[in-house]
Amino acid sequence: MMGDNEQTEVSEDTKKPSFISKARQKRFVKFAVVSTVGWGINELIIFLMMLLLNHFYVQYVLFTVLFLAVEKILLAAGVGIVIVMIYNYIINKIWTFRKQEQMVDFATLPQILKFALVGASGTVVNLGLVHLFAVIIGWNDYLATTIGFVVSVITNFILNDIWTFNPRFGKPKTVED
């Protein structure tokens, strides 16, 4: 049986911070801004790529790889995703997760790979929700894509915050004299 002193030993100072802290909320807003700008950049890239591809190629299918037709829209979307993933990584690293970056040194390649893996999983979540709401349930396409985008931003933020940019996974910075 615990004594009275043992029960009251946990002070307010040693409490674990809430998962939804003010700092995390601030990071989420920044992450959402970066993601929304990235979405706009992605749409612009797709639009410009389609203009370019439509100018040079009349057919919809550009080429075939292992019996899979590579269509213009897939190429345009792929280019957009790669460019926006690089943009999102850089801006989130220097703005959204700046304090974490100042606390520790992250190995760049593993961090980029984590960010890309999180982004890919977010894309799967997004497309899965779009399929569910637009194709299976029959909701409006734009409502379905908006829901997919919002949910993927939330899941991407959580995964990047607790894994990609978490100071526990970095090397503590040494103070130079």
Protein backbone atom coordinates (compact mmCIF):
# COMPACT_ATOMS: atom_id res chain seq x y z
CA MET A 1 0.00 0.00 0.00
CA MET A 2 1.33 3.42 -0.93
CA GLY A 3 1.77 6.03 1.77
CA ASP A 4 0.37 9.55 1.49
CA ASN A 5 3.78 10.97 0.58
CA GLU A 6 4.21 8.51 -2.31
CA GLN A 7 0.84 9.46 -3.81
CA THR A 8 1.62 13.18 -3.84
CA GLU A 9 5.17 12.89 -5.16
CA VAL A 10 4.14 13.63 -8.77
CA SER A 11 4.22 17.40 -9.00
CA GLU A 12 2.79 19.69 -11.66
CA ASP A 13 6.35 20.17 -13.04
CA THR A 14 6.74 16.49 -13.90
CA LYS A 15 3.42 16.12 -15.71
CA LYS A 16 3.71 15.04 -19.30
CA PRO A 17 2.67 17.85 -21.67
CA SER A 18 -0.64 17.46 -23.45
CA PHE A 19 -0.46 15.98 -26.96
CA ILE A 20 -2.45 18.96 -28.21
CA SER A 21 -0.18 21.64 -26.75
CA LYS A 22 -0.15 25.28 -27.85
CA ALA A 23 3.18 24.73 -29.61
CA ARG A 24 1.79 21.74 -31.51
CA GLN A 25 -1.34 23.70 -32.46
CA LYS A 26 0.86 26.49 -33.82
CA ARG A 27 2.93 23.97 -35.80
CA PHE A 28 -0.27 22.44 -37.18
CA VAL A 29 -1.51 25.81 -38.47
CA LYS A 30 1.85 26.41 -40.15
CA PHE A 31 1.82 22.89 -41.61
CA ALA A 32 -1.72 23.42 -42.94
CA VAL A 33 -0.66 26.72 -44.57
CA VAL A 34 2.36 25.05 -46.20
CA SER A 35 0.19 22.14 -47.36
CA THR A 36 -2.49 24.44 -48.81
CA VAL A 37 0.08 26.48 -50.72
CA GLY A 38 1.63 23.20 -51.87
CA TRP A 39 -1.77 22.03 -53.12
CA GLY A 40 -2.07 25.25 -55.15
CA ILE A 41 1.43 24.81 -56.57
CA ASN A 42 0.60 21.20 -57.45
CA GLU A 43 -2.54 22.26 -59.32
CA LEU A 44 -0.57 24.94 -61.20
CA ILE A 45 2.15 22.46 -62.17
CA ILE A 46 -0.44 19.95 -63.40
CA PHE A 47 -2.17 22.66 -65.42
CA LEU A 48 1.09 23.84 -67.02
CA MET A 49 2.31 20.29 -67.65
CA MET A 50 -0.99 19.40 -69.34
CA LEU A 51 -0.74 22.49 -71.56
CA LEU A 52 2.77 21.48 -72.54
CA LEU A 53 1.95 17.81 -73.07
CA ASN A 54 -1.23 18.60 -75.02
CA HIS A 55 0.80 20.88 -77.28
CA PHE A 56 3.32 18.16 -78.15
CA TYR A 57 1.24 14.97 -77.89
CA VAL A 58 -2.17 14.46 -79.44
CA GLN A 59 -2.78 11.01 -77.94
CA TYR A 60 -3.78 10.68 -74.30
CA VAL A 61 -1.46 7.74 -73.62
CA LEU A 62 2.20 8.75 -73.85
CA PHE A 63 3.81 5.32 -73.54
CA THR A 64 3.35 1.90 -71.99
CA VAL A 65 5.41 0.39 -69.19
CA LEU A 66 4.86 -3.29 -68.39
CA PHE A 67 1.43 -3.23 -70.02
CA LEU A 68 0.42 -0.12 -68.08
CA ALA A 69 -0.51 2.96 -70.07
CA VAL A 70 1.20 6.12 -68.84
CA GLU A 71 -1.28 8.86 -69.51
CA LYS A 72 -0.50 12.56 -69.68
CA ILE A 73 -2.39 13.35 -66.48
CA LEU A 74 -0.43 10.73 -64.54
CA LEU A 75 2.88 12.14 -65.73
CA ALA A 76 1.74 15.69 -64.93
CA ALA A 77 0.48 14.66 -61.48
CA GLY A 78 3.69 12.74 -60.77
CA VAL A 79 5.85 15.75 -61.61
CA GLY A 80 3.62 17.93 -59.46
CA ILE A 81 3.83 15.57 -56.50
CA VAL A 82 7.63 15.39 -56.61
CA ILE A 83 8.08 19.17 -56.86
CA VAL A 84 5.55 19.89 -54.12
CA MET A 85 7.01 17.23 -51.82
CA ILE A 86 10.42 18.94 -52.10
CA TYR A 87 8.80 22.36 -51.50
CA ASN A 88 6.83 21.04 -48.50
CA TYR A 89 9.90 19.41 -46.97
CA ILE A 90 12.04 22.54 -47.25
CA ILE A 91 9.41 25.00 -46.00
CA ASN A 92 8.28 22.76 -43.14
CA LYS A 93 11.90 22.16 -42.12
CA ILE A 94 12.77 25.87 -41.99
CA TRP A 95 9.43 27.29 -40.81
CA THR A 96 7.01 24.80 -39.26
CA PHE A 97 9.55 22.64 -37.40
CA ARG A 98 12.25 25.30 -36.95
CA LYS A 99 12.47 24.88 -33.17
CA GLN A 100 12.96 21.12 -33.46
CA GLU A 101 15.63 21.72 -36.09
CA GLN A 102 17.40 24.15 -33.73
CA MET A 103 17.38 21.63 -30.86
CA VAL A 104 19.02 18.69 -32.63
CA ASP A 105 20.82 17.70 -35.80
CA PHE A 106 18.78 15.42 -38.03
CA ALA A 107 20.45 13.19 -40.58
CA THR A 108 19.12 14.71 -43.80
CA LEU A 109 18.67 11.62 -45.97
CA PRO A 110 16.74 9.58 -43.36
CA GLN A 111 14.64 12.64 -42.59
CA ILE A 112 13.79 13.20 -46.26
CA LEU A 113 12.93 9.50 -46.63
CA LYS A 114 10.66 9.67 -43.57
CA PHE A 115 8.98 12.79 -44.96
CA ALA A 116 8.48 11.10 -48.35
CA LEU A 117 7.09 7.95 -46.70
CA VAL A 118 4.67 10.02 -44.64
CA GLY A 119 3.68 11.95 -47.78
CA ALA A 120 3.09 8.72 -49.68
CA SER A 121 0.95 7.34 -46.86
CA GLY A 122 -0.99 10.62 -46.83
CA THR A 123 -1.58 10.25 -50.56
CA VAL A 124 -2.96 6.75 -49.99
CA VAL A 125 -5.27 8.07 -47.24
CA ASN A 126 -6.35 10.94 -49.49
CA LEU A 127 -7.08 8.76 -52.51
CA GLY A 128 -8.78 6.12 -50.37
CA LEU A 129 -11.14 8.71 -48.93
CA VAL A 130 -11.81 10.23 -52.36
CA HIS A 131 -12.66 6.75 -53.66
CA LEU A 132 -14.87 6.03 -50.65
CA PHE A 133 -16.82 9.28 -50.75
CA ALA A 134 -16.95 9.97 -54.50
CA VAL A 135 -17.08 6.51 -56.06
CA ILE A 136 -18.62 4.23 -53.42
CA ILE A 137 -20.96 6.64 -51.59
CA GLY A 138 -21.52 8.93 -54.58
CA TRP A 139 -20.84 12.29 -52.96
CA ASN A 140 -19.75 15.33 -54.95
CA ASP A 141 -16.19 14.95 -56.33
CA TYR A 142 -15.03 18.29 -54.93
CA LEU A 143 -16.42 17.52 -51.47
CA ALA A 144 -14.70 14.12 -51.57
CA THR A 145 -11.34 15.61 -52.63
CA THR A 146 -11.63 18.31 -49.94
CA ILE A 147 -12.29 15.71 -47.24
CA GLY A 148 -9.38 13.61 -48.52
CA PHE A 149 -7.06 16.64 -48.53
CA VAL A 150 -8.02 17.78 -45.02
CA VAL A 151 -7.71 14.32 -43.47
CA SER A 152 -4.37 13.68 -45.21
CA VAL A 153 -3.00 17.03 -43.95
CA ILE A 154 -3.99 16.10 -40.40
CA THR A 155 -2.48 12.60 -40.61
CA ASN A 156 0.66 13.88 -42.35
CA PHE A 157 1.14 16.52 -39.66
CA ILE A 158 0.76 14.03 -36.82
CA LEU A 159 3.19 11.55 -38.39
CA ASN A 160 5.76 14.21 -39.29
CA ASP A 161 5.48 15.82 -35.85
CA ILE A 162 5.96 12.59 -33.90
CA TRP A 163 8.40 10.86 -36.27
CA THR A 164 10.10 12.92 -39.00
CA PHE A 165 10.86 16.07 -36.99
CA ASN A 166 10.78 14.66 -33.46
CA PRO A 167 13.90 15.77 -31.54
CA ARG A 168 14.17 12.27 -29.98
CA PHE A 169 15.27 11.00 -33.41
CA GLY A 170 17.99 13.60 -33.86
CA LYS A 171 21.50 13.98 -32.49
CA PRO A 172 21.73 16.59 -29.71
CA LYS A 173 23.62 19.66 -30.84
CA THR A 174 26.90 20.32 -29.08
CA VAL A 175 27.58 23.75 -27.66
CA GLU A 176 30.82 25.15 -29.01
CA ASP A 177 32.96 27.36 -26.77
